[in-house]
Amino acid sequence: MQIDLTGRTALVTGSTQGIGRAIAATLADAGARVAINGRRAEGVAATIEELRAEAPDRDLVPATGDVGEAAGAAEVLAAVGDVDVLVNNLGVFGAVPALEIDDEQWRRYFEVNVLAAVRLIRATLPGMTARGWGRVLNIASDSAIVIPAEMIHYGVSKTALLGVSRGFAKEAAGTGVTVNSVIAGPTHTGGVEKFVYELVDPGLPWDEAQREFMRVHRPQSLLQRLIEPEEIANLVAYLSSPLASATTGAAVRVDGGYVDSILP
């Protein structure tokens, strides 16, 4: 089985680091022209330089802009052109006691984690359906199903994203365009390292801190370790390809068995 995205253009939001960066690299290695997105031009340029240093043949284009705002999203789309594969990866998270999450924080999480994805789908889906092919992937989280007590605003925003995916999949029914969610489990990124150290002893070495975090805060994980970003990217690459033509409206798990259910 070979994943071939030659001739396709992919936009991966929030792709200068972490899961987004891994997804961008994997899609580029599958032959796609990949737009690297971030809010700062220097960060985007540095990421493209790093990714090309790893593999010079990667076809990468800069797409600087804050897709959490309408003007920024318009700038990004103008830089990319027609989008065949949209990966809504951008998201914010952080631990806040439930009763201390104020209205402004709730609005920010909805704007970034939900509305940014809706805005880009609304802008790109008509072109995909007109061309008769396209892929939309919304990067959700196990927190959409198992709402974490320490960040319910994040969990609720990801639950909403599952609904967004299913709804737009219905809009795209019969067009050759698929819309899916990817339920990512606890993943090893720089942001997650910071988050882990907010919840465990910051004096612990990383390996011990990770084990303590999983033991205390994520004991349901069957992997009993954090997932590596490339493991998320592999599933995204498959769902972005022609091989996944019969999968749409789905919430596909790559969560290390964290969600204790035989269904998504």
C-alpha atoms as a PDB file:
ATOM      1  CA  MET A   1       0.000   0.000   0.000  1.00  0.00           C
ATOM      2  CA  GLN A   2       1.485   3.321  -1.097  1.00  0.00           C
ATOM      3  CA  ILE A   3       0.183   6.748  -0.151  1.00  0.00           C
ATOM      4  CA  ASP A   4       0.589   9.090  -3.117  1.00  0.00           C
ATOM      5  CA  LEU A   5      -0.505  12.727  -2.898  1.00  0.00           C
ATOM      6  CA  THR A   6       1.380  13.929  -5.947  1.00  0.00           C
ATOM      7  CA  GLY A   7      -0.358  16.916  -7.519  1.00  0.00           C
ATOM      8  CA  ARG A   8      -2.340  17.748  -4.377  1.00  0.00           C
ATOM      9  CA  THR A   9      -1.975  20.890  -2.285  1.00  0.00           C
ATOM     10  CA  ALA A  10      -2.335  20.563   1.485  1.00  0.00           C
ATOM     11  CA  LEU A  11      -2.779  23.295   4.079  1.00  0.00           C
ATOM     12  CA  VAL A  12      -1.854  22.309   7.634  1.00  0.00           C
ATOM     13  CA  THR A  13      -2.695  24.973  10.191  1.00  0.00           C
ATOM     14  CA  GLY A  14      -0.382  25.453  13.131  1.00  0.00           C
ATOM     15  CA  SER A  15       2.358  23.512  11.378  1.00  0.00           C
ATOM     16  CA  THR A  16       5.534  25.119  12.679  1.00  0.00           C
ATOM     17  CA  GLN A  17       5.808  22.668  15.573  1.00  0.00           C
ATOM     18  CA  GLY A  18       4.448  19.542  17.216  1.00  0.00           C
ATOM     19  CA  ILE A  19       1.744  17.469  15.569  1.00  0.00           C
ATOM     20  CA  GLY A  20       1.202  19.984  12.776  1.00  0.00           C
ATOM     21  CA  ARG A  21       4.866  19.963  11.802  1.00  0.00           C
ATOM     22  CA  ALA A  22       4.911  16.157  11.727  1.00  0.00           C
ATOM     23  CA  ILE A  23       1.767  16.087   9.581  1.00  0.00           C
ATOM     24  CA  ALA A  24       3.219  18.611   7.152  1.00  0.00           C
ATOM     25  CA  ALA A  25       6.425  16.596   6.782  1.00  0.00           C
ATOM     26  CA  THR A  26       4.548  13.339   6.240  1.00  0.00           C
ATOM     27  CA  LEU A  27       2.210  14.813   3.614  1.00  0.00           C
ATOM     28  CA  ALA A  28       5.153  16.386   1.804  1.00  0.00           C
ATOM     29  CA  ASP A  29       6.963  13.033   1.803  1.00  0.00           C
ATOM     30  CA  ALA A  30       3.851  11.550   0.174  1.00  0.00           C
ATOM     31  CA  GLY A  31       4.266  14.018  -2.701  1.00  0.00           C
ATOM     32  CA  ALA A  32       1.920  16.835  -1.699  1.00  0.00           C
ATOM     33  CA  ARG A  33       2.661  20.533  -2.027  1.00  0.00           C
ATOM     34  CA  VAL A  34       2.308  21.574   1.609  1.00  0.00           C
ATOM     35  CA  ALA A  35       1.589  25.029   2.988  1.00  0.00           C
ATOM     36  CA  ILE A  36       3.298  25.683   6.314  1.00  0.00           C
ATOM     37  CA  ASN A  37       1.207  27.910   8.555  1.00  0.00           C
ATOM     38  CA  GLY A  38       2.055  29.968  11.591  1.00  0.00           C
ATOM     39  CA  ARG A  39       1.413  33.464  12.895  1.00  0.00           C
ATOM     40  CA  ARG A  40       4.988  34.704  12.459  1.00  0.00           C
ATOM     41  CA  ALA A  41       6.832  34.794   9.151  1.00  0.00           C
ATOM     42  CA  GLU A  42      10.184  34.017  10.760  1.00  0.00           C
ATOM     43  CA  GLY A  43       8.806  30.881  12.396  1.00  0.00           C
ATOM     44  CA  VAL A  44       7.290  29.686   9.136  1.00  0.00           C
ATOM     45  CA  ALA A  45      10.537  30.338   7.251  1.00  0.00           C
ATOM     46  CA  ALA A  46      12.605  28.533   9.888  1.00  0.00           C
ATOM     47  CA  THR A  47      10.312  25.497   9.777  1.00  0.00           C
ATOM     48  CA  ILE A  48      10.501  25.303   5.988  1.00  0.00           C
ATOM     49  CA  GLU A  49      14.291  25.524   6.162  1.00  0.00           C
ATOM     50  CA  GLU A  50      14.430  22.733   8.754  1.00  0.00           C
ATOM     51  CA  LEU A  51      12.049  20.471   6.848  1.00  0.00           C
ATOM     52  CA  ARG A  52      13.969  20.958   3.601  1.00  0.00           C
ATOM     53  CA  ALA A  53      17.242  20.254   5.381  1.00  0.00           C
ATOM     54  CA  GLU A  54      15.775  16.877   6.360  1.00  0.00           C
ATOM     55  CA  ALA A  55      14.497  16.166   2.819  1.00  0.00           C
ATOM     56  CA  PRO A  56      15.397  18.649   0.059  1.00  0.00           C
ATOM     57  CA  ASP A  57      12.697  17.412  -2.334  1.00  0.00           C
ATOM     58  CA  ARG A  58       9.815  18.458  -0.087  1.00  0.00           C
ATOM     59  CA  ASP A  59       7.527  20.967  -1.837  1.00  0.00           C
ATOM     60  CA  LEU A  60       6.769  23.537   0.855  1.00  0.00           C
ATOM     61  CA  VAL A  61       5.247  27.010   0.654  1.00  0.00           C
ATOM     62  CA  PRO A  62       4.862  29.671   3.362  1.00  0.00           C
ATOM     63  CA  ALA A  63       1.356  30.556   4.521  1.00  0.00           C
ATOM     64  CA  THR A  64       1.800  33.065   7.320  1.00  0.00           C
ATOM     65  CA  GLY A  65      -1.272  34.314   9.147  1.00  0.00           C
ATOM     66  CA  ASP A  66      -3.480  33.886  12.184  1.00  0.00           C
ATOM     67  CA  VAL A  67      -6.331  31.641  11.019  1.00  0.00           C
ATOM     68  CA  GLY A  68      -8.060  32.318  14.321  1.00  0.00           C
ATOM     69  CA  GLU A  69      -9.109  35.616  12.744  1.00  0.00           C
ATOM     70  CA  ALA A  70     -10.971  36.188   9.480  1.00  0.00           C
ATOM     71  CA  ALA A  71      -8.339  38.540   8.040  1.00  0.00           C
ATOM     72  CA  GLY A  72      -5.524  36.134   8.848  1.00  0.00           C
ATOM     73  CA  ALA A  73      -7.366  33.203   7.306  1.00  0.00           C
ATOM     74  CA  ALA A  74      -7.893  35.210   4.123  1.00  0.00           C
ATOM     75  CA  GLU A  75      -4.151  35.972   3.946  1.00  0.00           C
ATOM     76  CA  VAL A  76      -3.304  32.311   4.357  1.00  0.00           C
ATOM     77  CA  LEU A  77      -5.719  31.139   1.674  1.00  0.00           C
ATOM     78  CA  ALA A  78      -4.474  33.795  -0.749  1.00  0.00           C
ATOM     79  CA  ALA A  79      -0.913  32.521  -0.261  1.00  0.00           C
ATOM     80  CA  VAL A  80      -1.856  28.877  -0.809  1.00  0.00           C
ATOM     81  CA  GLY A  81      -4.334  28.936  -3.697  1.00  0.00           C
ATOM     82  CA  ASP A  82      -6.630  25.960  -4.261  1.00  0.00           C
ATOM     83  CA  VAL A  83      -6.567  23.564  -1.308  1.00  0.00           C
ATOM     84  CA  ASP A  84      -7.108  19.838  -1.879  1.00  0.00           C
ATOM     85  CA  VAL A  85      -6.295  18.662   1.648  1.00  0.00           C
ATOM     86  CA  LEU A  86      -7.190  20.835   4.630  1.00  0.00           C
ATOM     87  CA  VAL A  87      -5.833  19.785   8.016  1.00  0.00           C
ATOM     88  CA  ASN A  88      -7.243  21.913  10.826  1.00  0.00           C
ATOM     89  CA  ASN A  89      -4.579  21.255  13.412  1.00  0.00           C
ATOM     90  CA  LEU A  90      -4.348  24.620  15.164  1.00  0.00           C
ATOM     91  CA  GLY A  91      -5.468  24.512  18.780  1.00  0.00           C
ATOM     92  CA  VAL A  92      -4.852  25.960  22.215  1.00  0.00           C
ATOM     93  CA  PHE A  93      -4.977  24.179  25.546  1.00  0.00           C
ATOM     94  CA  GLY A  94      -4.030  24.716  29.164  1.00  0.00           C
ATOM     95  CA  ALA A  95      -4.926  23.650  32.675  1.00  0.00           C
ATOM     96  CA  VAL A  96      -7.408  25.955  34.435  1.00  0.00           C
ATOM     97  CA  PRO A  97      -9.696  25.018  37.361  1.00  0.00           C
ATOM     98  CA  ALA A  98     -13.252  24.695  36.048  1.00  0.00           C
ATOM     99  CA  LEU A  99     -14.749  27.511  38.124  1.00  0.00           C
ATOM    100  CA  GLU A 100     -11.940  29.886  37.157  1.00  0.00           C
ATOM    101  CA  ILE A 101     -12.488  29.691  33.384  1.00  0.00           C
ATOM    102  CA  ASP A 102     -13.973  33.081  32.561  1.00  0.00           C
ATOM    103  CA  ASP A 103     -16.057  34.163  29.551  1.00  0.00           C
ATOM    104  CA  GLU A 104     -13.042  35.520  27.691  1.00  0.00           C
ATOM    105  CA  GLN A 105     -11.222  32.189  27.932  1.00  0.00           C
ATOM    106  CA  TRP A 106     -14.295  30.281  26.796  1.00  0.00           C
ATOM    107  CA  ARG A 107     -14.614  32.584  23.769  1.00  0.00           C
ATOM    108  CA  ARG A 108     -10.919  32.281  22.895  1.00  0.00           C
ATOM    109  CA  TYR A 109     -11.032  28.479  22.948  1.00  0.00           C
ATOM    110  CA  PHE A 110     -14.115  28.465  20.753  1.00  0.00           C
ATOM    111  CA  GLU A 111     -12.595  30.980  18.329  1.00  0.00           C
ATOM    112  CA  VAL A 112      -9.302  29.127  17.920  1.00  0.00           C
ATOM    113  CA  ASN A 113     -10.309  25.480  18.330  1.00  0.00           C
ATOM    114  CA  VAL A 114     -13.672  25.543  16.548  1.00  0.00           C
ATOM    115  CA  LEU A 115     -14.432  28.659  14.538  1.00  0.00           C
ATOM    116  CA  ALA A 116     -11.014  28.741  12.830  1.00  0.00           C
ATOM    117  CA  ALA A 117     -11.724  25.278  11.423  1.00  0.00           C
ATOM    118  CA  VAL A 118     -15.262  26.217  10.394  1.00  0.00           C
ATOM    119  CA  ARG A 119     -13.994  29.329   8.629  1.00  0.00           C
ATOM    120  CA  LEU A 120     -11.422  27.422   6.571  1.00  0.00           C
ATOM    121  CA  ILE A 121     -13.816  24.606   5.701  1.00  0.00           C
ATOM    122  CA  ARG A 122     -16.379  27.150   4.553  1.00  0.00           C
ATOM    123  CA  ALA A 123     -13.767  28.770   2.321  1.00  0.00           C
ATOM    124  CA  THR A 124     -12.241  25.614   0.806  1.00  0.00           C
ATOM    125  CA  LEU A 125     -15.069  23.076   0.604  1.00  0.00           C
ATOM    126  CA  PRO A 126     -16.814  24.649  -2.419  1.00  0.00           C
ATOM    127  CA  GLY A 127     -13.625  24.386  -4.500  1.00  0.00           C
ATOM    128  CA  MET A 128     -13.075  20.786  -3.444  1.00  0.00           C
ATOM    129  CA  THR A 129     -16.618  19.783  -4.347  1.00  0.00           C
ATOM    130  CA  ALA A 130     -16.396  21.599  -7.688  1.00  0.00           C
ATOM    131  CA  ARG A 131     -13.230  19.635  -8.517  1.00  0.00           C
ATOM    132  CA  GLY A 132     -14.813  16.391  -7.295  1.00  0.00           C
ATOM    133  CA  TRP A 133     -12.074  15.526  -4.800  1.00  0.00           C
ATOM    134  CA  GLY A 134     -10.878  16.750  -1.441  1.00  0.00           C
ATOM    135  CA  ARG A 135     -10.024  15.864   2.114  1.00  0.00           C
ATOM    136  CA  VAL A 136     -10.811  17.760   5.318  1.00  0.00           C
ATOM    137  CA  LEU A 137      -9.239  16.521   8.548  1.00  0.00           C
ATOM    138  CA  ASN A 138     -10.002  18.130  11.887  1.00  0.00           C
ATOM    139  CA  ILE A 139      -7.527  17.230  14.605  1.00  0.00           C
ATOM    140  CA  ALA A 140      -9.627  16.551  17.690  1.00  0.00           C
ATOM    141  CA  SER A 141      -8.607  14.936  20.944  1.00  0.00           C
ATOM    142  CA  ASP A 142      -9.459  12.193  23.408  1.00  0.00           C
ATOM    143  CA  SER A 143     -10.527  15.147  25.572  1.00  0.00           C
ATOM    144  CA  ALA A 144     -13.540  15.519  23.276  1.00  0.00           C
ATOM    145  CA  ILE A 145     -14.888  12.267  24.695  1.00  0.00           C
ATOM    146  CA  VAL A 146     -13.256  12.082  28.117  1.00  0.00           C
ATOM    147  CA  ILE A 147     -13.586  15.693  29.291  1.00  0.00           C
ATOM    148  CA  PRO A 148     -10.552  16.453  31.480  1.00  0.00           C
ATOM    149  CA  ALA A 149     -11.415  18.042  34.821  1.00  0.00           C
ATOM    150  CA  GLU A 150      -8.384  20.332  34.577  1.00  0.00           C
ATOM    151  CA  MET A 151      -9.402  21.890  31.222  1.00  0.00           C
ATOM    152  CA  ILE A 152     -13.055  21.445  30.443  1.00  0.00           C
ATOM    153  CA  HIS A 153     -13.079  24.415  28.042  1.00  0.00           C
ATOM    154  CA  TYR A 154     -10.561  22.588  25.853  1.00  0.00           C
ATOM    155  CA  GLY A 155     -12.512  19.336  26.004  1.00  0.00           C
ATOM    156  CA  VAL A 156     -15.793  21.020  25.117  1.00  0.00           C
ATOM    157  CA  SER A 157     -14.201  22.815  22.158  1.00  0.00           C
ATOM    158  CA  LYS A 158     -12.951  19.503  20.796  1.00  0.00           C
ATOM    159  CA  THR A 159     -16.357  17.909  21.310  1.00  0.00           C
ATOM    160  CA  ALA A 160     -17.784  20.706  19.176  1.00  0.00           C
ATOM    161  CA  LEU A 161     -15.175  19.963  16.521  1.00  0.00           C
ATOM    162  CA  LEU A 162     -16.467  16.392  16.228  1.00  0.00           C
ATOM    163  CA  GLY A 163     -19.908  17.811  15.482  1.00  0.00           C
ATOM    164  CA  VAL A 164     -18.454  20.239  12.956  1.00  0.00           C
ATOM    165  CA  SER A 165     -16.795  17.351  11.123  1.00  0.00           C
ATOM    166  CA  ARG A 166     -19.915  15.226  10.963  1.00  0.00           C
ATOM    167  CA  GLY A 167     -22.034  18.160   9.826  1.00  0.00           C
ATOM    168  CA  PHE A 168     -19.734  19.213   6.996  1.00  0.00           C
ATOM    169  CA  ALA A 169     -19.363  15.583   5.913  1.00  0.00           C
ATOM    170  CA  LYS A 170     -23.110  15.624   5.305  1.00  0.00           C
ATOM    171  CA  GLU A 171     -22.764  18.857   3.336  1.00  0.00           C
ATOM    172  CA  ALA A 172     -20.128  17.156   1.142  1.00  0.00           C
ATOM    173  CA  ALA A 173     -22.111  13.925   0.676  1.00  0.00           C
ATOM    174  CA  GLY A 174     -21.716  12.363  -2.747  1.00  0.00           C
ATOM    175  CA  THR A 175     -19.160  14.892  -3.993  1.00  0.00           C
ATOM    176  CA  GLY A 176     -15.928  12.905  -3.716  1.00  0.00           C
ATOM    177  CA  VAL A 177     -14.873  15.020  -0.725  1.00  0.00           C
ATOM    178  CA  THR A 178     -14.461  13.405   2.692  1.00  0.00           C
ATOM    179  CA  VAL A 179     -14.544  15.136   6.063  1.00  0.00           C
ATOM    180  CA  ASN A 180     -13.256  13.372   9.164  1.00  0.00           C
ATOM    181  CA  SER A 181     -11.988  13.988  12.678  1.00  0.00           C
ATOM    182  CA  VAL A 182      -8.804  12.481  14.058  1.00  0.00           C
ATOM    183  CA  ILE A 183      -9.028  11.819  17.788  1.00  0.00           C
ATOM    184  CA  ALA A 184      -5.456  12.202  18.964  1.00  0.00           C
ATOM    185  CA  GLY A 185      -4.450  10.865  22.349  1.00  0.00           C
ATOM    186  CA  PRO A 186      -1.883  12.334  24.750  1.00  0.00           C
ATOM    187  CA  THR A 187       0.987  13.273  22.451  1.00  0.00           C
ATOM    188  CA  HIS A 188       4.604  14.218  23.079  1.00  0.00           C
ATOM    189  CA  THR A 189       5.080  17.820  21.946  1.00  0.00           C
ATOM    190  CA  GLY A 190       6.853  20.826  23.379  1.00  0.00           C
ATOM    191  CA  GLY A 191       3.542  22.293  24.519  1.00  0.00           C
ATOM    192  CA  VAL A 192       2.566  19.061  26.203  1.00  0.00           C
ATOM    193  CA  GLU A 193       5.895  18.899  28.020  1.00  0.00           C
ATOM    194  CA  LYS A 194       5.083  22.312  29.508  1.00  0.00           C
ATOM    195  CA  PHE A 195       1.583  21.110  30.372  1.00  0.00           C
ATOM    196  CA  VAL A 196       2.932  17.951  32.018  1.00  0.00           C
ATOM    197  CA  TYR A 197       5.226  20.005  34.222  1.00  0.00           C
ATOM    198  CA  GLU A 198       2.252  22.109  35.304  1.00  0.00           C
ATOM    199  CA  LEU A 199       0.723  18.969  36.788  1.00  0.00           C
ATOM    200  CA  VAL A 200       3.733  17.045  38.147  1.00  0.00           C
ATOM    201  CA  ASP A 201       6.919  17.932  40.030  1.00  0.00           C
ATOM    202  CA  PRO A 202       8.888  20.267  37.700  1.00  0.00           C
ATOM    203  CA  GLY A 203      12.103  18.967  39.221  1.00  0.00           C
ATOM    204  CA  LEU A 204      11.609  15.494  37.755  1.00  0.00           C
ATOM    205  CA  PRO A 205      13.614  14.425  34.681  1.00  0.00           C
ATOM    206  CA  TRP A 206      11.396  14.212  31.584  1.00  0.00           C
ATOM    207  CA  ASP A 207      11.139  10.419  31.447  1.00  0.00           C
ATOM    208  CA  GLU A 208      10.041  10.270  35.080  1.00  0.00           C
ATOM    209  CA  ALA A 209       7.700  13.224  34.659  1.00  0.00           C
ATOM    210  CA  GLN A 210       6.048  11.597  31.655  1.00  0.00           C
ATOM    211  CA  ARG A 211       5.524   8.323  33.506  1.00  0.00           C
ATOM    212  CA  GLU A 212       4.114  10.131  36.536  1.00  0.00           C
ATOM    213  CA  PHE A 213       1.763  12.181  34.345  1.00  0.00           C
ATOM    214  CA  MET A 214       0.436   9.092  32.592  1.00  0.00           C
ATOM    215  CA  ARG A 215       0.097   7.157  35.866  1.00  0.00           C
ATOM    216  CA  VAL A 216      -1.799   9.903  37.702  1.00  0.00           C
ATOM    217  CA  HIS A 217      -3.604  11.903  35.016  1.00  0.00           C
ATOM    218  CA  ARG A 218      -3.994   9.489  32.069  1.00  0.00           C
ATOM    219  CA  PRO A 219      -4.143   6.002  33.648  1.00  0.00           C
ATOM    220  CA  GLN A 220      -6.585   4.745  30.988  1.00  0.00           C
ATOM    221  CA  SER A 221      -3.893   4.767  28.282  1.00  0.00           C
ATOM    222  CA  LEU A 222      -3.158   1.273  27.016  1.00  0.00           C
ATOM    223  CA  LEU A 223       0.137   2.469  25.539  1.00  0.00           C
ATOM    224  CA  GLN A 224       1.165   3.838  28.948  1.00  0.00           C
ATOM    225  CA  ARG A 225       3.295   6.427  27.177  1.00  0.00           C
ATOM    226  CA  LEU A 226       2.799   9.606  25.229  1.00  0.00           C
ATOM    227  CA  ILE A 227       2.173   9.192  21.501  1.00  0.00           C
ATOM    228  CA  GLU A 228       4.802  10.574  19.138  1.00  0.00           C
ATOM    229  CA  PRO A 229       3.613  13.209  16.608  1.00  0.00           C
ATOM    230  CA  GLU A 230       4.656  11.020  13.673  1.00  0.00           C
ATOM    231  CA  GLU A 231       2.175   8.375  14.819  1.00  0.00           C
ATOM    232  CA  ILE A 232      -0.636  10.916  14.476  1.00  0.00           C
ATOM    233  CA  ALA A 233       0.732  12.059  11.119  1.00  0.00           C
ATOM    234  CA  ASN A 234       0.685   8.547   9.675  1.00  0.00           C
ATOM    235  CA  LEU A 235      -3.071   8.262  10.192  1.00  0.00           C
ATOM    236  CA  VAL A 236      -3.651  11.754   8.794  1.00  0.00           C
ATOM    237  CA  ALA A 237      -1.663  10.881   5.675  1.00  0.00           C
ATOM    238  CA  TYR A 238      -3.799   7.793   5.082  1.00  0.00           C
ATOM    239  CA  LEU A 239      -7.064   9.686   5.573  1.00  0.00           C
ATOM    240  CA  SER A 240      -5.766  12.397   3.217  1.00  0.00           C
ATOM    241  CA  SER A 241      -5.135   9.901   0.449  1.00  0.00           C
ATOM    242  CA  PRO A 242      -7.298   8.266  -2.235  1.00  0.00           C
ATOM    243  CA  LEU A 243      -7.003   5.041  -0.227  1.00  0.00           C
ATOM    244  CA  ALA A 244      -9.441   6.416   2.381  1.00  0.00           C
ATOM    245  CA  SER A 245     -12.186   7.252  -0.115  1.00  0.00           C
ATOM    246  CA  ALA A 246     -14.862   5.329   1.815  1.00  0.00           C
ATOM    247  CA  THR A 247     -14.153   6.930   5.191  1.00  0.00           C
ATOM    248  CA  THR A 248     -16.130  10.116   5.836  1.00  0.00           C
ATOM    249  CA  GLY A 249     -18.097  11.628   8.667  1.00  0.00           C
ATOM    250  CA  ALA A 250     -15.962   9.560  11.031  1.00  0.00           C
ATOM    251  CA  ALA A 251     -14.088  10.237  14.243  1.00  0.00           C
ATOM    252  CA  VAL A 252     -11.010   8.043  13.861  1.00  0.00           C
ATOM    253  CA  ARG A 253      -8.981   7.332  16.962  1.00  0.00           C
ATOM    254  CA  VAL A 254      -5.201   7.332  17.291  1.00  0.00           C
ATOM    255  CA  ASP A 255      -5.297   7.628  21.053  1.00  0.00           C
ATOM    256  CA  GLY A 256      -3.220   4.742  22.361  1.00  0.00           C
ATOM    257  CA  GLY A 257      -6.380   3.102  23.664  1.00  0.00           C
ATOM    258  CA  TYR A 258      -7.002   6.010  26.013  1.00  0.00           C
ATOM    259  CA  VAL A 259     -10.764   6.176  25.383  1.00  0.00           C
ATOM    260  CA  ASP A 260     -12.248   3.160  27.165  1.00  0.00           C
ATOM    261  CA  SER A 261     -14.738   2.220  24.485  1.00  0.00           C
ATOM    262  CA  ILE A 262     -15.054  -0.248  21.620  1.00  0.00           C
ATOM    263  CA  LEU A 263     -16.635   2.562  19.557  1.00  0.00           C
ATOM    264  CA  PRO A 264     -15.096   5.921  18.542  1.00  0.00           C
END
